[in-house]
Amino acid sequence: MIRTHQLFKSVRHALRGAGVVFREEQNFRIQVAMGVLVLLLAAFFGVRIYEWILLILLIGAVWTLELVNSIIERLADAFKPRLHSYVKDVKDIMAAAVLIASLIAGAVGITIFYPYLAALVSRLS
């Protein structure tokens, strides 16, 4: 049986965690802003349903990976001093994972939006 009180409590904790990362991590704020911009562009251009699905999945993946990056950074800092070379390596590797996901999402976004942008430019010309 689902305990609604416990469910709401869990959701509240999750939202608090997202808020902490949003307030404290500039990269997460940038990723959220870019995701919202992409969704607004998708609505403006009226992209196809499968394009919506792909954009939402990629945005969710990048946001999730950015959250995981924040978790790993905090855990690494808690267990070892900031200047330890392994901590630096772990943080850099995780940042690389977020960067790769972001670049792939950007490439897919460009692929999806290019025909819509080209059609808009040709109508304006």
PDB file of N, CA and C in Angstrom:
ATOM      1  N   MET A   1       0.836  -1.180   0.000  1.00  0.00           N
ATOM      2  CA  MET A   1       0.000   0.000   0.000  1.00  0.00           C
ATOM      3  C   MET A   1       0.884   1.247   0.000  1.00  0.00           C
ATOM      4  N   ILE A   2       0.482   2.228  -0.762  1.00  0.00           N
ATOM      5  CA  ILE A   2       1.238   3.473  -0.865  1.00  0.00           C
ATOM      6  C   ILE A   2       0.873   4.381   0.298  1.00  0.00           C
ATOM      7  N   ARG A   3       1.892   4.827   1.001  1.00  0.00           N
ATOM      8  CA  ARG A   3       1.680   5.795   2.085  1.00  0.00           C
ATOM      9  C   ARG A   3       1.888   7.186   1.506  1.00  0.00           C
ATOM     10  N   THR A   4       0.810   7.914   1.319  1.00  0.00           N
ATOM     11  CA  THR A   4       0.903   9.217   0.654  1.00  0.00           C
ATOM     12  C   THR A   4       1.763  10.194   1.444  1.00  0.00           C
ATOM     13  N   HIS A   5       1.691  10.137   2.766  1.00  0.00           N
ATOM     14  CA  HIS A   5       2.512  11.035   3.582  1.00  0.00           C
ATOM     15  C   HIS A   5       3.993  10.787   3.302  1.00  0.00           C
ATOM     16  N   GLN A   6       4.399   9.518   3.270  1.00  0.00           N
ATOM     17  CA  GLN A   6       5.795   9.172   3.005  1.00  0.00           C
ATOM     18  C   GLN A   6       6.189   9.550   1.573  1.00  0.00           C
ATOM     19  N   LEU A   7       5.283   9.372   0.644  1.00  0.00           N
ATOM     20  CA  LEU A   7       5.542   9.739  -0.743  1.00  0.00           C
ATOM     21  C   LEU A   7       5.796  11.243  -0.860  1.00  0.00           C
ATOM     22  N   PHE A   8       4.926  12.047  -0.254  1.00  0.00           N
ATOM     23  CA  PHE A   8       5.105  13.505  -0.304  1.00  0.00           C
ATOM     24  C   PHE A   8       6.388  13.933   0.393  1.00  0.00           C
ATOM     25  N   LYS A   9       6.732  13.241   1.461  1.00  0.00           N
ATOM     26  CA  LYS A   9       7.968  13.541   2.174  1.00  0.00           C
ATOM     27  C   LYS A   9       9.177  13.245   1.280  1.00  0.00           C
ATOM     28  N   SER A  10       9.145  12.130   0.578  1.00  0.00           N
ATOM     29  CA  SER A  10      10.230  11.770  -0.335  1.00  0.00           C
ATOM     30  C   SER A  10      10.348  12.782  -1.473  1.00  0.00           C
ATOM     31  N   VAL A  11       9.225  13.182  -2.020  1.00  0.00           N
ATOM     32  CA  VAL A  11       9.236  14.181  -3.102  1.00  0.00           C
ATOM     33  C   VAL A  11       9.785  15.503  -2.583  1.00  0.00           C
ATOM     34  N   ARG A  12       9.402  15.886  -1.391  1.00  0.00           N
ATOM     35  CA  ARG A  12       9.892  17.130  -0.786  1.00  0.00           C
ATOM     36  C   ARG A  12      11.419  17.083  -0.639  1.00  0.00           C
ATOM     37  N   HIS A  13      11.954  15.943  -0.187  1.00  0.00           N
ATOM     38  CA  HIS A  13      13.410  15.805  -0.052  1.00  0.00           C
ATOM     39  C   HIS A  13      14.095  15.889  -1.419  1.00  0.00           C
ATOM     40  N   ALA A  14      13.506  15.243  -2.408  1.00  0.00           N
ATOM     41  CA  ALA A  14      14.084  15.275  -3.753  1.00  0.00           C
ATOM     42  C   ALA A  14      14.098  16.698  -4.313  1.00  0.00           C
ATOM     43  N   LEU A  15      13.006  17.421  -4.119  1.00  0.00           N
ATOM     44  CA  LEU A  15      12.942  18.813  -4.598  1.00  0.00           C
ATOM     45  C   LEU A  15      13.936  19.694  -3.856  1.00  0.00           C
ATOM     46  N   ARG A  16      14.111  19.429  -2.563  1.00  0.00           N
ATOM     47  CA  ARG A  16      15.105  20.172  -1.792  1.00  0.00           C
ATOM     48  C   ARG A  16      16.498  19.933  -2.364  1.00  0.00           C
ATOM     49  N   GLY A  17      16.798  18.665  -2.678  1.00  0.00           N
ATOM     50  CA  GLY A  17      18.097  18.340  -3.253  1.00  0.00           C
ATOM     51  C   GLY A  17      18.319  19.030  -4.586  1.00  0.00           C
ATOM     52  N   ALA A  18      17.298  19.028  -5.431  1.00  0.00           N
ATOM     53  CA  ALA A  18      17.401  19.724  -6.721  1.00  0.00           C
ATOM     54  C   ALA A  18      17.604  21.217  -6.500  1.00  0.00           C
ATOM     55  N   GLY A  19      16.927  21.764  -5.505  1.00  0.00           N
ATOM     56  CA  GLY A  19      17.085  23.186  -5.192  1.00  0.00           C
ATOM     57  C   GLY A  19      18.487  23.521  -4.719  1.00  0.00           C
ATOM     58  N   VAL A  20      19.064  22.645  -3.911  1.00  0.00           N
ATOM     59  CA  VAL A  20      20.438  22.855  -3.438  1.00  0.00           C
ATOM     60  C   VAL A  20      21.391  22.916  -4.627  1.00  0.00           C
ATOM     61  N   VAL A  21      21.277  21.960  -5.522  1.00  0.00           N
ATOM     62  CA  VAL A  21      22.161  21.936  -6.687  1.00  0.00           C
ATOM     63  C   VAL A  21      21.893  23.151  -7.576  1.00  0.00           C
ATOM     64  N   PHE A  22      20.627  23.515  -7.754  1.00  0.00           N
ATOM     65  CA  PHE A  22      20.299  24.678  -8.590  1.00  0.00           C
ATOM     66  C   PHE A  22      20.915  25.958  -8.010  1.00  0.00           C
ATOM     67  N   ARG A  23      20.834  26.116  -6.689  1.00  0.00           N
ATOM     68  CA  ARG A  23      21.379  27.319  -6.054  1.00  0.00           C
ATOM     69  C   ARG A  23      22.903  27.348  -6.068  1.00  0.00           C
ATOM     70  N   GLU A  24      23.527  26.191  -5.893  1.00  0.00           N
ATOM     71  CA  GLU A  24      24.965  26.163  -5.658  1.00  0.00           C
ATOM     72  C   GLU A  24      25.815  25.819  -6.877  1.00  0.00           C
ATOM     73  N   GLU A  25      25.223  25.292  -7.919  1.00  0.00           N
ATOM     74  CA  GLU A  25      25.996  24.850  -9.079  1.00  0.00           C
ATOM     75  C   GLU A  25      25.610  25.632 -10.331  1.00  0.00           C
ATOM     76  N   GLN A  26      26.511  26.486 -10.765  1.00  0.00           N
ATOM     77  CA  GLN A  26      26.260  27.309 -11.953  1.00  0.00           C
ATOM     78  C   GLN A  26      25.998  26.453 -13.185  1.00  0.00           C
ATOM     79  N   ASN A  27      26.761  25.372 -13.345  1.00  0.00           N
ATOM     80  CA  ASN A  27      26.578  24.529 -14.536  1.00  0.00           C
ATOM     81  C   ASN A  27      25.177  23.934 -14.595  1.00  0.00           C
ATOM     82  N   PHE A  28      24.626  23.579 -13.446  1.00  0.00           N
ATOM     83  CA  PHE A  28      23.262  23.034 -13.436  1.00  0.00           C
ATOM     84  C   PHE A  28      22.265  24.111 -13.861  1.00  0.00           C
ATOM     85  N   ARG A  29      22.452  25.326 -13.375  1.00  0.00           N
ATOM     86  CA  ARG A  29      21.558  26.422 -13.787  1.00  0.00           C
ATOM     87  C   ARG A  29      21.647  26.656 -15.295  1.00  0.00           C
ATOM     88  N   ILE A  30      22.853  26.574 -15.839  1.00  0.00           N
ATOM     89  CA  ILE A  30      23.023  26.736 -17.285  1.00  0.00           C
ATOM     90  C   ILE A  30      22.316  25.611 -18.024  1.00  0.00           C
ATOM     91  N   GLN A  31      22.474  24.371 -17.551  1.00  0.00           N
ATOM     92  CA  GLN A  31      21.828  23.227 -18.192  1.00  0.00           C
ATOM     93  C   GLN A  31      20.306  23.349 -18.129  1.00  0.00           C
ATOM     94  N   VAL A  32      19.780  23.811 -16.999  1.00  0.00           N
ATOM     95  CA  VAL A  32      18.329  23.994 -16.877  1.00  0.00           C
ATOM     96  C   VAL A  32      17.852  25.073 -17.849  1.00  0.00           C
ATOM     97  N   ALA A  33      18.581  26.178 -17.913  1.00  0.00           N
ATOM     98  CA  ALA A  33      18.193  27.263 -18.828  1.00  0.00           C
ATOM     99  C   ALA A  33      18.218  26.781 -20.279  1.00  0.00           C
ATOM    100  N   MET A  34      19.240  26.036 -20.649  1.00  0.00           N
ATOM    101  CA  MET A  34      19.321  25.527 -22.019  1.00  0.00           C
ATOM    102  C   MET A  34      18.187  24.537 -22.293  1.00  0.00           C
ATOM    103  N   GLY A  35      17.875  23.692 -21.333  1.00  0.00           N
ATOM    104  CA  GLY A  35      16.780  22.740 -21.506  1.00  0.00           C
ATOM    105  C   GLY A  35      15.451  23.436 -21.702  1.00  0.00           C
ATOM    106  N   VAL A  36      15.205  24.457 -20.902  1.00  0.00           N
ATOM    107  CA  VAL A  36      13.958  25.222 -21.037  1.00  0.00           C
ATOM    108  C   VAL A  36      13.914  25.920 -22.391  1.00  0.00           C
ATOM    109  N   LEU A  37      15.030  26.496 -22.814  1.00  0.00           N
ATOM    110  CA  LEU A  37      15.095  27.145 -24.126  1.00  0.00           C
ATOM    111  C   LEU A  37      14.784  26.155 -25.246  1.00  0.00           C
ATOM    112  N   VAL A  38      15.353  24.965 -25.164  1.00  0.00           N
ATOM    113  CA  VAL A  38      15.103  23.938 -26.175  1.00  0.00           C
ATOM    114  C   VAL A  38      13.622  23.574 -26.207  1.00  0.00           C
ATOM    115  N   LEU A  39      13.019  23.421 -25.041  1.00  0.00           N
ATOM    116  CA  LEU A  39      11.588  23.082 -25.001  1.00  0.00           C
ATOM    117  C   LEU A  39      10.722  24.210 -25.567  1.00  0.00           C
ATOM    118  N   LEU A  40      11.102  25.442 -25.295  1.00  0.00           N
ATOM    119  CA  LEU A  40      10.368  26.577 -25.870  1.00  0.00           C
ATOM    120  C   LEU A  40      10.509  26.607 -27.394  1.00  0.00           C
ATOM    121  N   LEU A  41      11.718  26.345 -27.890  1.00  0.00           N
ATOM    122  CA  LEU A  41      11.922  26.278 -29.339  1.00  0.00           C
ATOM    123  C   LEU A  41      11.124  25.135 -29.958  1.00  0.00           C
ATOM    124  N   ALA A  42      11.083  24.010 -29.274  1.00  0.00           N
ATOM    125  CA  ALA A  42      10.319  22.865 -29.780  1.00  0.00           C
ATOM    126  C   ALA A  42       8.842  23.216 -29.877  1.00  0.00           C
ATOM    127  N   ALA A  43       8.328  23.935 -28.884  1.00  0.00           N
ATOM    128  CA  ALA A  43       6.926  24.358 -28.922  1.00  0.00           C
ATOM    129  C   ALA A  43       6.700  25.376 -30.039  1.00  0.00           C
ATOM    130  N   PHE A  44       7.634  26.312 -30.186  1.00  0.00           N
ATOM    131  CA  PHE A  44       7.511  27.338 -31.226  1.00  0.00           C
ATOM    132  C   PHE A  44       7.480  26.719 -32.621  1.00  0.00           C
ATOM    133  N   PHE A  45       8.373  25.774 -32.866  1.00  0.00           N
ATOM    134  CA  PHE A  45       8.457  25.165 -34.192  1.00  0.00           C
ATOM    135  C   PHE A  45       7.474  24.024 -34.390  1.00  0.00           C
ATOM    136  N   GLY A  46       6.835  23.563 -33.335  1.00  0.00           N
ATOM    137  CA  GLY A  46       5.885  22.465 -33.463  1.00  0.00           C
ATOM    138  C   GLY A  46       6.543  21.181 -33.928  1.00  0.00           C
ATOM    139  N   VAL A  47       7.609  20.804 -33.248  1.00  0.00           N
ATOM    140  CA  VAL A  47       8.347  19.609 -33.666  1.00  0.00           C
ATOM    141  C   VAL A  47       7.473  18.363 -33.550  1.00  0.00           C
ATOM    142  N   ARG A  48       7.872  17.333 -34.253  1.00  0.00           N
ATOM    143  CA  ARG A  48       7.117  16.068 -34.268  1.00  0.00           C
ATOM    144  C   ARG A  48       7.212  15.382 -32.911  1.00  0.00           C
ATOM    145  N   ILE A  49       6.289  14.476 -32.650  1.00  0.00           N
ATOM    146  CA  ILE A  49       6.217  13.816 -31.345  1.00  0.00           C
ATOM    147  C   ILE A  49       7.499  13.060 -31.023  1.00  0.00           C
ATOM    148  N   TYR A  50       8.075  12.360 -31.995  1.00  0.00           N
ATOM    149  CA  TYR A  50       9.305  11.608 -31.715  1.00  0.00           C
ATOM    150  C   TYR A  50      10.473  12.560 -31.437  1.00  0.00           C
ATOM    151  N   GLU A  51      10.437  13.753 -32.020  1.00  0.00           N
ATOM    152  CA  GLU A  51      11.470  14.747 -31.730  1.00  0.00           C
ATOM    153  C   GLU A  51      11.308  15.281 -30.304  1.00  0.00           C
ATOM    154  N   TRP A  52      10.054  15.496 -29.889  1.00  0.00           N
ATOM    155  CA  TRP A  52       9.769  15.885 -28.500  1.00  0.00           C
ATOM    156  C   TRP A  52      10.343  14.851 -27.541  1.00  0.00           C
ATOM    157  N   ILE A  53      10.037  13.594 -27.834  1.00  0.00           N
ATOM    158  CA  ILE A  53      10.484  12.509 -26.952  1.00  0.00           C
ATOM    159  C   ILE A  53      12.006  12.508 -26.845  1.00  0.00           C
ATOM    160  N   LEU A  54      12.672  12.611 -27.967  1.00  0.00           N
ATOM    161  CA  LEU A  54      14.129  12.596 -27.966  1.00  0.00           C
ATOM    162  C   LEU A  54      14.697  13.799 -27.219  1.00  0.00           C
ATOM    163  N   LEU A  55      14.138  14.978 -27.454  1.00  0.00           N
ATOM    164  CA  LEU A  55      14.617  16.177 -26.761  1.00  0.00           C
ATOM    165  C   LEU A  55      14.414  16.059 -25.250  1.00  0.00           C
ATOM    166  N   ILE A  56      13.251  15.601 -24.840  1.00  0.00           N
ATOM    167  CA  ILE A  56      12.975  15.449 -23.403  1.00  0.00           C
ATOM    168  C   ILE A  56      13.919  14.425 -22.773  1.00  0.00           C
ATOM    169  N   LEU A  57      14.142  13.305 -23.458  1.00  0.00           N
ATOM    170  CA  LEU A  57      15.062  12.289 -22.937  1.00  0.00           C
ATOM    171  C   LEU A  57      16.482  12.834 -22.796  1.00  0.00           C
ATOM    172  N   LEU A  58      16.943  13.563 -23.796  1.00  0.00           N
ATOM    173  CA  LEU A  58      18.296  14.106 -23.741  1.00  0.00           C
ATOM    174  C   LEU A  58      18.435  15.176 -22.663  1.00  0.00           C
ATOM    175  N   ILE A  59      17.444  16.040 -22.550  1.00  0.00           N
ATOM    176  CA  ILE A  59      17.471  17.060 -21.491  1.00  0.00           C
ATOM    177  C   ILE A  59      17.493  16.378 -20.127  1.00  0.00           C
ATOM    178  N   GLY A  60      16.633  15.397 -19.947  1.00  0.00           N
ATOM    179  CA  GLY A  60      16.599  14.666 -18.681  1.00  0.00           C
ATOM    180  C   GLY A  60      17.911  13.971 -18.386  1.00  0.00           C
ATOM    181  N   ALA A  61      18.539  13.399 -19.417  1.00  0.00           N
ATOM    182  CA  ALA A  61      19.819  12.716 -19.229  1.00  0.00           C
ATOM    183  C   ALA A  61      20.914  13.693 -18.805  1.00  0.00           C
ATOM    184  N   VAL A  62      20.972  14.841 -19.449  1.00  0.00           N
ATOM    185  CA  VAL A  62      21.996  15.834 -19.106  1.00  0.00           C
ATOM    186  C   VAL A  62      21.756  16.363 -17.691  1.00  0.00           C
ATOM    187  N   TRP A  63      20.508  16.687 -17.352  1.00  0.00           N
ATOM    188  CA  TRP A  63      20.213  17.172 -16.004  1.00  0.00           C
ATOM    189  C   TRP A  63      20.555  16.127 -14.955  1.00  0.00           C
ATOM    190  N   THR A  64      20.206  14.884 -15.228  1.00  0.00           N
ATOM    191  CA  THR A  64      20.495  13.804 -14.285  1.00  0.00           C
ATOM    192  C   THR A  64      22.000  13.613 -14.122  1.00  0.00           C
ATOM    193  N   LEU A  65      22.718  13.632 -15.223  1.00  0.00           N
ATOM    194  CA  LEU A  65      24.161  13.474 -15.154  1.00  0.00           C
ATOM    195  C   LEU A  65      24.804  14.641 -14.401  1.00  0.00           C
ATOM    196  N   GLU A  66      24.274  15.831 -14.569  1.00  0.00           N
ATOM    197  CA  GLU A  66      24.779  16.989 -13.830  1.00  0.00           C
ATOM    198  C   GLU A  66      24.527  16.820 -12.330  1.00  0.00           C
ATOM    199  N   LEU A  67      23.376  16.262 -11.968  1.00  0.00           N
ATOM    200  CA  LEU A  67      23.100  15.976 -10.553  1.00  0.00           C
ATOM    201  C   LEU A  67      24.067  14.925 -10.011  1.00  0.00           C
ATOM    202  N   VAL A  68      24.305  13.873 -10.781  1.00  0.00           N
ATOM    203  CA  VAL A  68      25.251  12.829 -10.368  1.00  0.00           C
ATOM    204  C   VAL A  68      26.650  13.427 -10.225  1.00  0.00           C
ATOM    205  N   ASN A  69      27.021  14.304 -11.131  1.00  0.00           N
ATOM    206  CA  ASN A  69      28.302  14.991 -11.041  1.00  0.00           C
ATOM    207  C   ASN A  69      28.413  15.742  -9.714  1.00  0.00           C
ATOM    208  N   SER A  70      27.370  16.435  -9.340  1.00  0.00           N
ATOM    209  CA  SER A  70      27.382  17.181  -8.072  1.00  0.00           C
ATOM    210  C   SER A  70      27.505  16.236  -6.880  1.00  0.00           C
ATOM    211  N   ILE A  71      26.825  15.111  -6.944  1.00  0.00           N
ATOM    212  CA  ILE A  71      26.913  14.121  -5.867  1.00  0.00           C
ATOM    213  C   ILE A  71      28.344  13.611  -5.731  1.00  0.00           C
ATOM    214  N   ILE A  72      28.930  13.228  -6.840  1.00  0.00           N
ATOM    215  CA  ILE A  72      30.282  12.665  -6.807  1.00  0.00           C
ATOM    216  C   ILE A  72      31.283  13.698  -6.318  1.00  0.00           C
ATOM    217  N   GLU A  73      31.136  14.955  -6.757  1.00  0.00           N
ATOM    218  CA  GLU A  73      32.039  16.007  -6.283  1.00  0.00           C
ATOM    219  C   GLU A  73      31.954  16.162  -4.769  1.00  0.00           C
ATOM    220  N   ARG A  74      30.744  16.186  -4.238  1.00  0.00           N
ATOM    221  CA  ARG A  74      30.578  16.346  -2.789  1.00  0.00           C
ATOM    222  C   ARG A  74      31.124  15.148  -2.021  1.00  0.00           C
ATOM    223  N   LEU A  75      30.864  13.947  -2.518  1.00  0.00           N
ATOM    224  CA  LEU A  75      31.386  12.755  -1.853  1.00  0.00           C
ATOM    225  C   LEU A  75      32.910  12.716  -1.900  1.00  0.00           C
ATOM    226  N   ALA A  76      33.469  13.050  -3.046  1.00  0.00           N
ATOM    227  CA  ALA A  76      34.923  13.045  -3.179  1.00  0.00           C
ATOM    228  C   ALA A  76      35.545  14.051  -2.220  1.00  0.00           C
ATOM    229  N   ASP A  77      34.956  15.234  -2.116  1.00  0.00           N
ATOM    230  CA  ASP A  77      35.470  16.245  -1.194  1.00  0.00           C
ATOM    231  C   ASP A  77      35.328  15.801   0.260  1.00  0.00           C
ATOM    232  N   ALA A  78      34.293  15.054   0.570  1.00  0.00           N
ATOM    233  CA  ALA A  78      34.081  14.608   1.950  1.00  0.00           C
ATOM    234  C   ALA A  78      35.110  13.559   2.366  1.00  0.00           C
ATOM    235  N   PHE A  79      35.543  12.720   1.422  1.00  0.00           N
ATOM    236  CA  PHE A  79      36.454  11.638   1.770  1.00  0.00           C
ATOM    237  C   PHE A  79      37.930  11.992   1.638  1.00  0.00           C
ATOM    238  N   LYS A  80      38.239  12.892   0.775  1.00  0.00           N
ATOM    239  CA  LYS A  80      39.635  13.284   0.564  1.00  0.00           C
ATOM    240  C   LYS A  80      39.719  14.794   0.425  1.00  0.00           C
ATOM    241  N   PRO A  81      40.858  15.356   0.769  1.00  0.00           N
ATOM    242  CA  PRO A  81      41.025  16.809   0.572  1.00  0.00           C
ATOM    243  C   PRO A  81      40.886  17.176  -0.905  1.00  0.00           C
ATOM    244  N   ARG A  82      40.463  18.401  -1.139  1.00  0.00           N
ATOM    245  CA  ARG A  82      40.266  18.885  -2.508  1.00  0.00           C
ATOM    246  C   ARG A  82      41.514  18.731  -3.380  1.00  0.00           C
ATOM    247  N   LEU A  83      42.665  18.857  -2.804  1.00  0.00           N
ATOM    248  CA  LEU A  83      43.885  18.890  -3.598  1.00  0.00           C
ATOM    249  C   LEU A  83      44.445  17.500  -3.912  1.00  0.00           C
ATOM    250  N   HIS A  84      43.867  16.457  -3.373  1.00  0.00           N
ATOM    251  CA  HIS A  84      44.356  15.110  -3.655  1.00  0.00           C
ATOM    252  C   HIS A  84      44.172  14.817  -5.141  1.00  0.00           C
ATOM    253  N   SER A  85      45.176  14.210  -5.761  1.00  0.00           N
ATOM    254  CA  SER A  85      45.145  14.017  -7.212  1.00  0.00           C
ATOM    255  C   SER A  85      44.002  13.089  -7.654  1.00  0.00           C
ATOM    256  N   TYR A  86      43.654  12.083  -6.848  1.00  0.00           N
ATOM    257  CA  TYR A  86      42.545  11.196  -7.222  1.00  0.00           C
ATOM    258  C   TYR A  86      41.216  11.938  -7.217  1.00  0.00           C
ATOM    259  N   VAL A  87      41.040  12.819  -6.246  1.00  0.00           N
ATOM    260  CA  VAL A  87      39.800  13.599  -6.184  1.00  0.00           C
ATOM    261  C   VAL A  87      39.697  14.480  -7.420  1.00  0.00           C
ATOM    262  N   LYS A  88      40.797  15.115  -7.786  1.00  0.00           N
ATOM    263  CA  LYS A  88      40.803  15.955  -8.987  1.00  0.00           C
ATOM    264  C   LYS A  88      40.472  15.119 -10.222  1.00  0.00           C
ATOM    265  N   ASP A  89      41.081  13.931 -10.322  1.00  0.00           N
ATOM    266  CA  ASP A  89      40.815  13.057 -11.469  1.00  0.00           C
ATOM    267  C   ASP A  89      39.336  12.658 -11.527  1.00  0.00           C
ATOM    268  N   VAL A  90      38.778  12.253 -10.397  1.00  0.00           N
ATOM    269  CA  VAL A  90      37.368  11.843 -10.352  1.00  0.00           C
ATOM    270  C   VAL A  90      36.473  12.990 -10.789  1.00  0.00           C
ATOM    271  N   LYS A  91      36.733  14.178 -10.271  1.00  0.00           N
ATOM    272  CA  LYS A  91      35.917  15.342 -10.632  1.00  0.00           C
ATOM    273  C   LYS A  91      36.051  15.666 -12.117  1.00  0.00           C
ATOM    274  N   ASP A  92      37.278  15.610 -12.634  1.00  0.00           N
ATOM    275  CA  ASP A  92      37.493  15.916 -14.047  1.00  0.00           C
ATOM    276  C   ASP A  92      36.840  14.880 -14.960  1.00  0.00           C
ATOM    277  N   ILE A  93      36.919  13.612 -14.573  1.00  0.00           N
ATOM    278  CA  ILE A  93      36.298  12.554 -15.373  1.00  0.00           C
ATOM    279  C   ILE A  93      34.775  12.722 -15.391  1.00  0.00           C
ATOM    280  N   MET A  94      34.203  13.032 -14.244  1.00  0.00           N
ATOM    281  CA  MET A  94      32.753  13.224 -14.180  1.00  0.00           C
ATOM    282  C   MET A  94      32.339  14.450 -14.994  1.00  0.00           C
ATOM    283  N   ALA A  95      33.133  15.507 -14.913  1.00  0.00           N
ATOM    284  CA  ALA A  95      32.849  16.697 -15.724  1.00  0.00           C
ATOM    285  C   ALA A  95      32.925  16.359 -17.210  1.00  0.00           C
ATOM    286  N   ALA A  96      33.866  15.499 -17.575  1.00  0.00           N
ATOM    287  CA  ALA A  96      33.971  15.071 -18.972  1.00  0.00           C
ATOM    288  C   ALA A  96      32.731  14.301 -19.406  1.00  0.00           C
ATOM    289  N   ALA A  97      32.193  13.476 -18.517  1.00  0.00           N
ATOM    290  CA  ALA A  97      30.977  12.731 -18.840  1.00  0.00           C
ATOM    291  C   ALA A  97      29.811  13.678 -19.110  1.00  0.00           C
ATOM    292  N   VAL A  98      29.683  14.705 -18.282  1.00  0.00           N
ATOM    293  CA  VAL A  98      28.614  15.694 -18.483  1.00  0.00           C
ATOM    294  C   VAL A  98      28.846  16.456 -19.782  1.00  0.00           C
ATOM    295  N   LEU A  99      30.090  16.811 -20.046  1.00  0.00           N
ATOM    296  CA  LEU A  99      30.406  17.531 -21.277  1.00  0.00           C
ATOM    297  C   LEU A  99      30.062  16.697 -22.508  1.00  0.00           C
ATOM    298  N   ILE A 100      30.430  15.432 -22.505  1.00  0.00           N
ATOM    299  CA  ILE A 100      30.136  14.561 -23.649  1.00  0.00           C
ATOM    300  C   ILE A 100      28.623  14.441 -23.851  1.00  0.00           C
ATOM    301  N   ALA A 101      27.889  14.223 -22.769  1.00  0.00           N
ATOM    302  CA  ALA A 101      26.424  14.128 -22.878  1.00  0.00           C
ATOM    303  C   ALA A 101      25.837  15.432 -23.411  1.00  0.00           C
ATOM    304  N   SER A 102      26.362  16.556 -22.948  1.00  0.00           N
ATOM    305  CA  SER A 102      25.872  17.857 -23.404  1.00  0.00           C
ATOM    306  C   SER A 102      26.172  18.075 -24.883  1.00  0.00           C
ATOM    307  N   LEU A 103      27.372  17.694 -25.317  1.00  0.00           N
ATOM    308  CA  LEU A 103      27.730  17.854 -26.731  1.00  0.00           C
ATOM    309  C   LEU A 103      26.869  16.968 -27.627  1.00  0.00           C
ATOM    310  N   ILE A 104      26.625  15.743 -27.177  1.00  0.00           N
ATOM    311  CA  ILE A 104      25.758  14.850 -27.952  1.00  0.00           C
ATOM    312  C   ILE A 104      24.345  15.421 -28.009  1.00  0.00           C
ATOM    313  N   ALA A 105      23.828  15.900 -26.868  1.00  0.00           N
ATOM    314  CA  ALA A 105      22.497  16.504 -26.844  1.00  0.00           C
ATOM    315  C   ALA A 105      22.443  17.722 -27.763  1.00  0.00           C
ATOM    316  N   GLY A 106      23.508  18.520 -27.751  1.00  0.00           N
ATOM    317  CA  GLY A 106      23.566  19.685 -28.631  1.00  0.00           C
ATOM    318  C   GLY A 106      23.570  19.299 -30.100  1.00  0.00           C
ATOM    319  N   ALA A 107      24.333  18.267 -30.435  1.00  0.00           N
ATOM    320  CA  ALA A 107      24.380  17.803 -31.832  1.00  0.00           C
ATOM    321  C   ALA A 107      23.018  17.286 -32.281  1.00  0.00           C
ATOM    322  N   VAL A 108      22.351  16.542 -31.416  1.00  0.00           N
ATOM    323  CA  VAL A 108      21.010  16.040 -31.752  1.00  0.00           C
ATOM    324  C   VAL A 108      20.043  17.219 -31.887  1.00  0.00           C
ATOM    325  N   GLY A 109      20.149  18.186 -30.981  1.00  0.00           N
ATOM    326  CA  GLY A 109      19.288  19.366 -31.055  1.00  0.00           C
ATOM    327  C   GLY A 109      19.483  20.134 -32.351  1.00  0.00           C
ATOM    328  N   ILE A 110      20.722  20.314 -32.748  1.00  0.00           N
ATOM    329  CA  ILE A 110      20.994  21.000 -34.016  1.00  0.00           C
ATOM    330  C   ILE A 110      20.404  20.205 -35.185  1.00  0.00           C
ATOM    331  N   THR A 111      20.561  18.913 -35.149  1.00  0.00           N
ATOM    332  CA  THR A 111      20.014  18.060 -36.211  1.00  0.00           C
ATOM    333  C   THR A 111      18.491  18.179 -36.283  1.00  0.00           C
ATOM    334  N   ILE A 112      17.851  18.231 -35.132  1.00  0.00           N
ATOM    335  CA  ILE A 112      16.385  18.343 -35.106  1.00  0.00           C
ATOM    336  C   ILE A 112      15.928  19.718 -35.558  1.00  0.00           C
ATOM    337  N   PHE A 113      16.584  20.770 -35.056  1.00  0.00           N
ATOM    338  CA  PHE A 113      16.099  22.127 -35.311  1.00  0.00           C
ATOM    339  C   PHE A 113      16.560  22.710 -36.647  1.00  0.00           C
ATOM    340  N   TYR A 114      17.598  22.173 -37.245  1.00  0.00           N
ATOM    341  CA  TYR A 114      18.104  22.753 -38.489  1.00  0.00           C
ATOM    342  C   TYR A 114      17.029  22.897 -39.572  1.00  0.00           C
ATOM    343  N   PRO A 115      16.252  21.854 -39.877  1.00  0.00           N
ATOM    344  CA  PRO A 115      15.235  22.021 -40.922  1.00  0.00           C
ATOM    345  C   PRO A 115      14.193  23.087 -40.571  1.00  0.00           C
ATOM    346  N   TYR A 116      13.827  23.175 -39.312  1.00  0.00           N
ATOM    347  CA  TYR A 116      12.845  24.181 -38.887  1.00  0.00           C
ATOM    348  C   TYR A 116      13.425  25.594 -39.020  1.00  0.00           C
ATOM    349  N   LEU A 117      14.680  25.757 -38.609  1.00  0.00           N
ATOM    350  CA  LEU A 117      15.330  27.063 -38.734  1.00  0.00           C
ATOM    351  C   LEU A 117      15.529  27.440 -40.196  1.00  0.00           C
ATOM    352  N   ALA A 118      15.925  26.479 -41.019  1.00  0.00           N
ATOM    353  CA  ALA A 118      16.132  26.746 -42.456  1.00  0.00           C
ATOM    354  C   ALA A 118      14.819  27.166 -43.114  1.00  0.00           C
ATOM    355  N   ALA A 119      13.723  26.503 -42.756  1.00  0.00           N
ATOM    356  CA  ALA A 119      12.416  26.868 -43.320  1.00  0.00           C
ATOM    357  C   ALA A 119      12.008  28.266 -42.873  1.00  0.00           C
ATOM    358  N   LEU A 120      12.282  28.594 -41.623  1.00  0.00           N
ATOM    359  CA  LEU A 120      11.944  29.930 -41.111  1.00  0.00           C
ATOM    360  C   LEU A 120      12.746  31.005 -41.819  1.00  0.00           C
ATOM    361  N   VAL A 121      14.028  30.778 -42.013  1.00  0.00           N
ATOM    362  CA  VAL A 121      14.896  31.738 -42.700  1.00  0.00           C
ATOM    363  C   VAL A 121      14.448  31.917 -44.151  1.00  0.00           C
ATOM    364  N   SER A 122      14.093  30.822 -44.803  1.00  0.00           N
ATOM    365  CA  SER A 122      13.677  30.937 -46.212  1.00  0.00           C
ATOM    366  C   SER A 122      12.342  31.684 -46.337  1.00  0.00           C
ATOM    367  N   ARG A 123      11.463  31.533 -45.354  1.00  0.00           N
ATOM    368  CA  ARG A 123      10.185  32.288 -45.381  1.00  0.00           C
ATOM    369  C   ARG A 123      10.417  33.771 -45.154  1.00  0.00           C
ATOM    370  N   LEU A 124      11.407  34.092 -44.316  1.00  0.00           N
ATOM    371  CA  LEU A 124      11.696  35.496 -44.017  1.00  0.00           C
ATOM    372  C   LEU A 124      12.458  36.183 -45.144  1.00  0.00           C
ATOM    373  N   SER A 125      13.101  35.414 -45.990  1.00  0.00           N
ATOM    374  CA  SER A 125      13.899  35.990 -47.090  1.00  0.00           C
ATOM    375  C   SER A 125      13.064  36.389 -48.261  1.00  0.00           C
TER     376      SER A 125
END
